[in-house]
Amino acid sequence: MLGWELLASRLKARFIKVQSPLDDCVKANGTGADALFARIKNPYFLRDEPGLTQTLGWVDAWTSRASSYAVAAESAEDVAAAIAFLLADTSRWMSGSTMAVDGGLLT
């Protein structure tokens, strides 16, 4: 049993394996996949140029400043509470989100 399936069976929760829907195409590395990517018109897709990019709508998104939503994780119980929330049914609609339990160290 794989890690995700094992965890889901033990915790009786729903899990989604987070991955790009294009992973299979990128890994295929064939003429069909290359033709598909040639037709995609995404000005922010940098296949061969990894690194930081800034897209429209995210001006100053990387400006370092303290988050107004930061809550300090002062103990293992704080981290456990965040994990318990993510494993609970109430977090089932969270997807594509980052939840850093670092006491506001990284914002």
Protein backbone atom coordinates (compact mmCIF):
# COMPACT_ATOMS: atom_id res chain seq x y z
CA MET A 1 0.00 0.00 0.00
CA LEU A 2 1.42 3.40 -1.00
CA GLY A 3 1.94 6.23 1.49
CA TRP A 4 -1.16 8.24 0.56
CA GLU A 5 -3.43 5.20 0.59
CA LEU A 6 -1.98 3.98 3.89
CA LEU A 7 -2.46 7.38 5.53
CA ALA A 8 -6.01 7.69 4.20
CA SER A 9 -6.92 4.22 5.45
CA ARG A 10 -5.54 4.89 8.92
CA LEU A 11 -7.10 8.31 9.35
CA LYS A 12 -10.37 7.64 7.55
CA ALA A 13 -10.03 10.94 5.70
CA ARG A 14 -10.17 11.99 2.08
CA PHE A 15 -6.85 12.85 0.52
CA ILE A 16 -5.98 14.24 -2.88
CA LYS A 17 -2.55 13.62 -4.33
CA VAL A 18 -1.43 17.08 -5.39
CA GLN A 19 0.13 17.05 -8.83
CA SER A 20 0.01 18.96 -12.08
CA PRO A 21 -2.54 17.71 -14.60
CA LEU A 22 0.22 18.10 -17.19
CA ASP A 23 2.76 15.85 -15.41
CA ASP A 24 2.03 12.88 -17.66
CA CYS A 25 2.47 15.03 -20.77
CA VAL A 26 5.75 16.50 -19.56
CA LYS A 27 7.10 13.06 -18.65
CA ALA A 28 5.99 11.59 -21.99
CA ASN A 29 8.62 13.65 -23.81
CA GLY A 30 7.36 12.56 -27.24
CA THR A 31 6.22 14.25 -30.42
CA GLY A 32 2.58 14.28 -29.29
CA ALA A 33 3.45 15.97 -26.00
CA ASP A 34 5.73 18.47 -27.76
CA ALA A 35 2.94 19.30 -30.23
CA LEU A 36 0.52 19.84 -27.35
CA PHE A 37 2.88 22.23 -25.55
CA ALA A 38 3.57 24.09 -28.80
CA ARG A 39 -0.17 24.91 -29.01
CA ILE A 40 -0.45 26.10 -25.42
CA LYS A 41 -0.37 29.89 -25.34
CA ASN A 42 0.74 30.72 -21.81
CA PRO A 43 3.09 33.72 -21.68
CA TYR A 44 4.20 32.76 -18.16
CA PHE A 45 5.20 29.14 -18.92
CA LEU A 46 8.99 28.96 -18.78
CA ARG A 47 9.76 25.35 -19.60
CA ASP A 48 13.53 25.71 -19.94
CA GLU A 49 14.05 28.77 -17.78
CA PRO A 50 13.43 27.83 -14.15
CA GLY A 51 13.44 30.57 -11.58
CA LEU A 52 11.31 33.29 -10.10
CA THR A 53 8.73 34.98 -12.29
CA GLN A 54 6.19 37.66 -11.55
CA THR A 55 2.86 37.56 -13.34
CA LEU A 56 0.12 40.10 -13.84
CA GLY A 57 -1.99 40.55 -10.73
CA TRP A 58 0.89 39.70 -8.43
CA VAL A 59 2.77 42.99 -8.43
CA ASP A 60 4.67 43.30 -5.14
CA ALA A 61 3.57 39.78 -4.20
CA TRP A 62 7.11 38.97 -3.09
CA THR A 63 7.63 42.08 -1.02
CA SER A 64 8.76 40.90 2.38
CA ARG A 65 6.47 42.12 5.14
CA ALA A 66 4.85 40.66 8.21
CA SER A 67 1.56 38.94 7.56
CA SER A 68 -1.46 40.42 9.28
CA TYR A 69 -2.80 36.87 9.59
CA ALA A 70 0.21 35.27 11.26
CA VAL A 71 -0.42 33.34 14.45
CA ALA A 72 2.59 32.15 16.40
CA ALA A 73 3.02 28.41 16.74
CA GLU A 74 4.56 28.29 20.18
CA SER A 75 4.39 24.57 20.81
CA ALA A 76 4.00 21.16 19.25
CA GLU A 77 0.31 21.37 20.22
CA ASP A 78 -0.10 24.41 17.92
CA VAL A 79 1.33 22.46 15.00
CA ALA A 80 -0.77 19.42 15.93
CA ALA A 81 -3.91 21.61 15.96
CA ALA A 82 -3.15 22.82 12.43
CA ILE A 83 -2.60 19.24 11.26
CA ALA A 84 -5.81 18.11 12.98
CA PHE A 85 -7.69 20.88 11.16
CA LEU A 86 -6.29 19.77 7.81
CA LEU A 87 -7.22 16.15 8.51
CA ALA A 88 -10.73 17.02 9.68
CA ASP A 89 -13.75 17.05 7.40
CA THR A 90 -14.05 20.84 7.79
CA SER A 91 -10.97 21.41 5.62
CA ARG A 92 -12.26 19.33 2.71
CA TRP A 93 -12.71 22.39 0.48
CA MET A 94 -9.15 23.61 0.92
CA SER A 95 -7.08 23.00 -2.19
CA GLY A 96 -4.12 24.69 -3.73
CA SER A 97 -3.36 26.54 -0.50
CA THR A 98 -0.27 26.94 1.58
CA MET A 99 -0.64 26.74 5.33
CA ALA A 100 2.73 27.41 6.93
CA VAL A 101 2.77 26.56 10.63
CA ASP A 102 5.94 28.51 11.29
CA GLY A 103 4.83 31.25 13.66
CA GLY A 104 5.00 33.85 10.90
CA LEU A 105 8.66 33.19 10.15
CA LEU A 106 7.90 33.00 6.42
CA THR A 107 5.21 35.23 4.98
